Amino acid sequence: MKVFFDTSFLIDLLARGKKATEMAESYSKSSALYTSRINYYELLKGAYAGSQTQKDMDAINILISNLTILEFDSFAADASAKIFAELRQKGKPIGEPDYMIAGCALSNGVNTILTGNKKHFEHIKGLKVIVC
């Protein structure tokens, strides 16, 4: 099984949230774990905008180093644009980074996402959303 960690889930892991930690440990035993360069950017953006410390930056980098990072390539761009068009047609728009995150996951054969933001991903065809 391939499982994608969304930014909200990564933030919960960094905060050592009990549910997120338990879920990550459980999935790490039986699944390949992924995130994207977009999610990494979102973590760094939050750290730099806040009062980040070297300890915070180290924690982000350690967490990210334990995941496979998916790049936003031409396949992800194509998948993201299709998701945008489908959701726009349904009247269910989401934030721009979320189209890209979902497109990145799906174009790499990752169809399960762990997130704290169900509404961001629940209408995307082919993506199983697990809320934490």
C-alpha atoms as a PDB file:
ATOM      1  CA  MET A   1       0.000   0.000   0.000  1.00  0.00           C
ATOM      2  CA  LYS A   2       1.156   3.532  -0.759  1.00  0.00           C
ATOM      3  CA  VAL A   3       0.154   6.284   1.674  1.00  0.00           C
ATOM      4  CA  PHE A   4       0.573  10.033   1.227  1.00  0.00           C
ATOM      5  CA  PHE A   5       1.062  12.378   4.193  1.00  0.00           C
ATOM      6  CA  ASP A   6      -0.602  15.768   3.693  1.00  0.00           C
ATOM      7  CA  THR A   7       0.729  18.915   5.356  1.00  0.00           C
ATOM      8  CA  SER A   8      -1.860  18.913   8.143  1.00  0.00           C
ATOM      9  CA  PHE A   9      -0.873  15.346   9.037  1.00  0.00           C
ATOM     10  CA  LEU A  10       2.842  16.232   8.943  1.00  0.00           C
ATOM     11  CA  ILE A  11       2.197  19.188  11.266  1.00  0.00           C
ATOM     12  CA  ASP A  12       0.397  16.879  13.704  1.00  0.00           C
ATOM     13  CA  LEU A  13       3.371  14.500  13.573  1.00  0.00           C
ATOM     14  CA  LEU A  14       5.797  17.340  14.268  1.00  0.00           C
ATOM     15  CA  ALA A  15       3.638  18.395  17.213  1.00  0.00           C
ATOM     16  CA  ARG A  16       3.764  14.774  18.385  1.00  0.00           C
ATOM     17  CA  GLY A  17       0.003  14.421  18.241  1.00  0.00           C
ATOM     18  CA  LYS A  18      -0.953  11.058  19.669  1.00  0.00           C
ATOM     19  CA  LYS A  19      -3.360  10.001  16.913  1.00  0.00           C
ATOM     20  CA  ALA A  20      -1.019  11.104  14.110  1.00  0.00           C
ATOM     21  CA  THR A  21       1.948   9.362  15.727  1.00  0.00           C
ATOM     22  CA  GLU A  22       0.015   6.127  16.165  1.00  0.00           C
ATOM     23  CA  MET A  23      -1.253   6.235  12.578  1.00  0.00           C
ATOM     24  CA  ALA A  24       2.218   6.953  11.179  1.00  0.00           C
ATOM     25  CA  GLU A  25       3.715   4.080  13.144  1.00  0.00           C
ATOM     26  CA  SER A  26       0.963   1.736  11.993  1.00  0.00           C
ATOM     27  CA  TYR A  27       1.257   2.666   8.306  1.00  0.00           C
ATOM     28  CA  SER A  28       5.061   2.591   8.357  1.00  0.00           C
ATOM     29  CA  LYS A  29       4.931  -1.132   9.128  1.00  0.00           C
ATOM     30  CA  SER A  30       2.914  -2.057   6.056  1.00  0.00           C
ATOM     31  CA  SER A  31       3.053   0.826   3.596  1.00  0.00           C
ATOM     32  CA  ALA A  32       5.358   2.956   1.512  1.00  0.00           C
ATOM     33  CA  LEU A  33       5.127   6.516   2.825  1.00  0.00           C
ATOM     34  CA  TYR A  34       5.066   9.597   0.603  1.00  0.00           C
ATOM     35  CA  THR A  35       4.695  13.340   0.626  1.00  0.00           C
ATOM     36  CA  SER A  36       5.475  15.952  -2.004  1.00  0.00           C
ATOM     37  CA  ARG A  37       7.885  18.802  -2.455  1.00  0.00           C
ATOM     38  CA  ILE A  38       4.785  21.034  -2.173  1.00  0.00           C
ATOM     39  CA  ASN A  39       4.063  19.738   1.331  1.00  0.00           C
ATOM     40  CA  TYR A  40       7.714  20.242   2.279  1.00  0.00           C
ATOM     41  CA  TYR A  41       7.436  23.835   1.062  1.00  0.00           C
ATOM     42  CA  GLU A  42       4.296  24.351   3.167  1.00  0.00           C
ATOM     43  CA  LEU A  43       6.114  23.084   6.271  1.00  0.00           C
ATOM     44  CA  LEU A  44       9.086  25.346   5.631  1.00  0.00           C
ATOM     45  CA  LYS A  45       6.843  28.318   4.896  1.00  0.00           C
ATOM     46  CA  GLY A  46       5.113  27.862   8.236  1.00  0.00           C
ATOM     47  CA  ALA A  47       8.411  27.492  10.069  1.00  0.00           C
ATOM     48  CA  TYR A  48       9.972  30.595   8.504  1.00  0.00           C
ATOM     49  CA  ALA A  49       6.826  32.676   8.998  1.00  0.00           C
ATOM     50  CA  GLY A  50       6.637  31.645  12.650  1.00  0.00           C
ATOM     51  CA  SER A  51       9.328  31.670  15.255  1.00  0.00           C
ATOM     52  CA  GLN A  52      11.274  28.719  13.924  1.00  0.00           C
ATOM     53  CA  THR A  53      14.297  27.464  15.749  1.00  0.00           C
ATOM     54  CA  GLN A  54      17.071  25.204  14.546  1.00  0.00           C
ATOM     55  CA  LYS A  55      15.354  22.440  16.484  1.00  0.00           C
ATOM     56  CA  ASP A  56      12.149  23.020  14.467  1.00  0.00           C
ATOM     57  CA  MET A  57      14.035  22.960  11.174  1.00  0.00           C
ATOM     58  CA  ASP A  58      15.889  19.806  12.197  1.00  0.00           C
ATOM     59  CA  ALA A  59      12.598  18.110  13.120  1.00  0.00           C
ATOM     60  CA  ILE A  60      11.108  18.981   9.717  1.00  0.00           C
ATOM     61  CA  ASN A  61      14.142  17.663   7.880  1.00  0.00           C
ATOM     62  CA  ILE A  62      14.272  14.441   9.910  1.00  0.00           C
ATOM     63  CA  LEU A  63      10.586  13.804   9.283  1.00  0.00           C
ATOM     64  CA  ILE A  64      10.899  14.507   5.566  1.00  0.00           C
ATOM     65  CA  SER A  65      13.985  12.292   5.266  1.00  0.00           C
ATOM     66  CA  ASN A  66      11.868   9.320   6.340  1.00  0.00           C
ATOM     67  CA  LEU A  67       9.413   9.779   3.470  1.00  0.00           C
ATOM     68  CA  THR A  68       9.663   9.449  -0.277  1.00  0.00           C
ATOM     69  CA  ILE A  69       9.336  12.953  -1.712  1.00  0.00           C
ATOM     70  CA  LEU A  70       7.312  13.182  -4.904  1.00  0.00           C
ATOM     71  CA  GLU A  71       8.227  15.968  -7.314  1.00  0.00           C
ATOM     72  CA  PHE A  72       5.743  18.128  -9.178  1.00  0.00           C
ATOM     73  CA  ASP A  73       6.591  17.027 -12.704  1.00  0.00           C
ATOM     74  CA  SER A  74       4.681  17.175 -16.007  1.00  0.00           C
ATOM     75  CA  PHE A  75       2.590  14.120 -15.065  1.00  0.00           C
ATOM     76  CA  ALA A  76       1.608  15.734 -11.767  1.00  0.00           C
ATOM     77  CA  ALA A  77       0.810  18.993 -13.579  1.00  0.00           C
ATOM     78  CA  ASP A  78      -1.476  17.162 -15.999  1.00  0.00           C
ATOM     79  CA  ALA A  79      -3.238  15.243 -13.212  1.00  0.00           C
ATOM     80  CA  SER A  80      -3.629  18.448 -11.168  1.00  0.00           C
ATOM     81  CA  ALA A  81      -5.176  20.334 -14.073  1.00  0.00           C
ATOM     82  CA  LYS A  82      -7.664  17.499 -14.642  1.00  0.00           C
ATOM     83  CA  ILE A  83      -8.605  17.523 -10.948  1.00  0.00           C
ATOM     84  CA  PHE A  84      -9.062  21.302 -11.112  1.00  0.00           C
ATOM     85  CA  ALA A  85     -11.374  20.988 -14.132  1.00  0.00           C
ATOM     86  CA  GLU A  86     -13.428  18.162 -12.577  1.00  0.00           C
ATOM     87  CA  LEU A  87     -13.918  19.941  -9.261  1.00  0.00           C
ATOM     88  CA  ARG A  88     -14.667  23.254 -10.937  1.00  0.00           C
ATOM     89  CA  GLN A  89     -17.323  21.556 -13.057  1.00  0.00           C
ATOM     90  CA  LYS A  90     -18.837  20.005  -9.905  1.00  0.00           C
ATOM     91  CA  GLY A  91     -18.781  23.373  -8.108  1.00  0.00           C
ATOM     92  CA  LYS A  92     -16.407  21.965  -5.453  1.00  0.00           C
ATOM     93  CA  PRO A  93     -13.244  24.087  -5.745  1.00  0.00           C
ATOM     94  CA  ILE A  94     -10.333  23.645  -3.333  1.00  0.00           C
ATOM     95  CA  GLY A  95      -7.124  25.573  -2.697  1.00  0.00           C
ATOM     96  CA  GLU A  96      -4.523  25.672  -5.448  1.00  0.00           C
ATOM     97  CA  PRO A  97      -1.855  23.719  -3.528  1.00  0.00           C
ATOM     98  CA  ASP A  98      -4.362  20.928  -2.868  1.00  0.00           C
ATOM     99  CA  TYR A  99      -4.958  20.327  -6.591  1.00  0.00           C
ATOM    100  CA  MET A 100      -1.202  20.029  -6.985  1.00  0.00           C
ATOM    101  CA  ILE A 101      -0.776  17.779  -3.948  1.00  0.00           C
ATOM    102  CA  ALA A 102      -3.541  15.422  -5.101  1.00  0.00           C
ATOM    103  CA  GLY A 103      -2.234  15.436  -8.670  1.00  0.00           C
ATOM    104  CA  CYS A 104       1.264  14.654  -7.456  1.00  0.00           C
ATOM    105  CA  ALA A 105       0.014  11.716  -5.390  1.00  0.00           C
ATOM    106  CA  LEU A 106      -2.311  10.239  -7.995  1.00  0.00           C
ATOM    107  CA  SER A 107       0.137  10.607 -10.890  1.00  0.00           C
ATOM    108  CA  ASN A 108       2.586   8.508  -8.867  1.00  0.00           C
ATOM    109  CA  GLY A 109       0.083   5.760  -8.086  1.00  0.00           C
ATOM    110  CA  VAL A 110      -0.528   6.889  -4.501  1.00  0.00           C
ATOM    111  CA  ASN A 111      -4.267   6.880  -3.881  1.00  0.00           C
ATOM    112  CA  THR A 112      -4.530   7.089  -0.085  1.00  0.00           C
ATOM    113  CA  ILE A 113      -3.950  10.368   1.736  1.00  0.00           C
ATOM    114  CA  LEU A 114      -3.767  11.027   5.470  1.00  0.00           C
ATOM    115  CA  THR A 115      -4.977  14.526   6.259  1.00  0.00           C
ATOM    116  CA  GLY A 116      -6.713  16.646   8.831  1.00  0.00           C
ATOM    117  CA  ASN A 117      -8.572  18.449   6.045  1.00  0.00           C
ATOM    118  CA  LYS A 118     -11.101  16.022   4.618  1.00  0.00           C
ATOM    119  CA  LYS A 119     -12.994  18.740   2.735  1.00  0.00           C
ATOM    120  CA  HIS A 120      -9.857  19.612   0.755  1.00  0.00           C
ATOM    121  CA  PHE A 121      -9.659  16.153  -0.819  1.00  0.00           C
ATOM    122  CA  GLU A 122     -12.994  14.349  -0.386  1.00  0.00           C
ATOM    123  CA  HIS A 123     -14.353  15.086  -3.869  1.00  0.00           C
ATOM    124  CA  ILE A 124     -11.260  13.977  -5.789  1.00  0.00           C
ATOM    125  CA  LYS A 125     -11.981  10.890  -7.848  1.00  0.00           C
ATOM    126  CA  GLY A 126      -9.613   8.011  -7.132  1.00  0.00           C
ATOM    127  CA  LEU A 127      -8.288   9.407  -3.864  1.00  0.00           C
ATOM    128  CA  LYS A 128      -9.109   7.655  -0.589  1.00  0.00           C
ATOM    129  CA  VAL A 129      -9.096  10.175   2.261  1.00  0.00           C
ATOM    130  CA  ILE A 130      -8.255   9.067   5.788  1.00  0.00           C
ATOM    131  CA  VAL A 131      -8.852  11.754   8.368  1.00  0.00           C
ATOM    132  CA  CYS A 132      -6.616  11.954  11.379  1.00  0.00           C
END
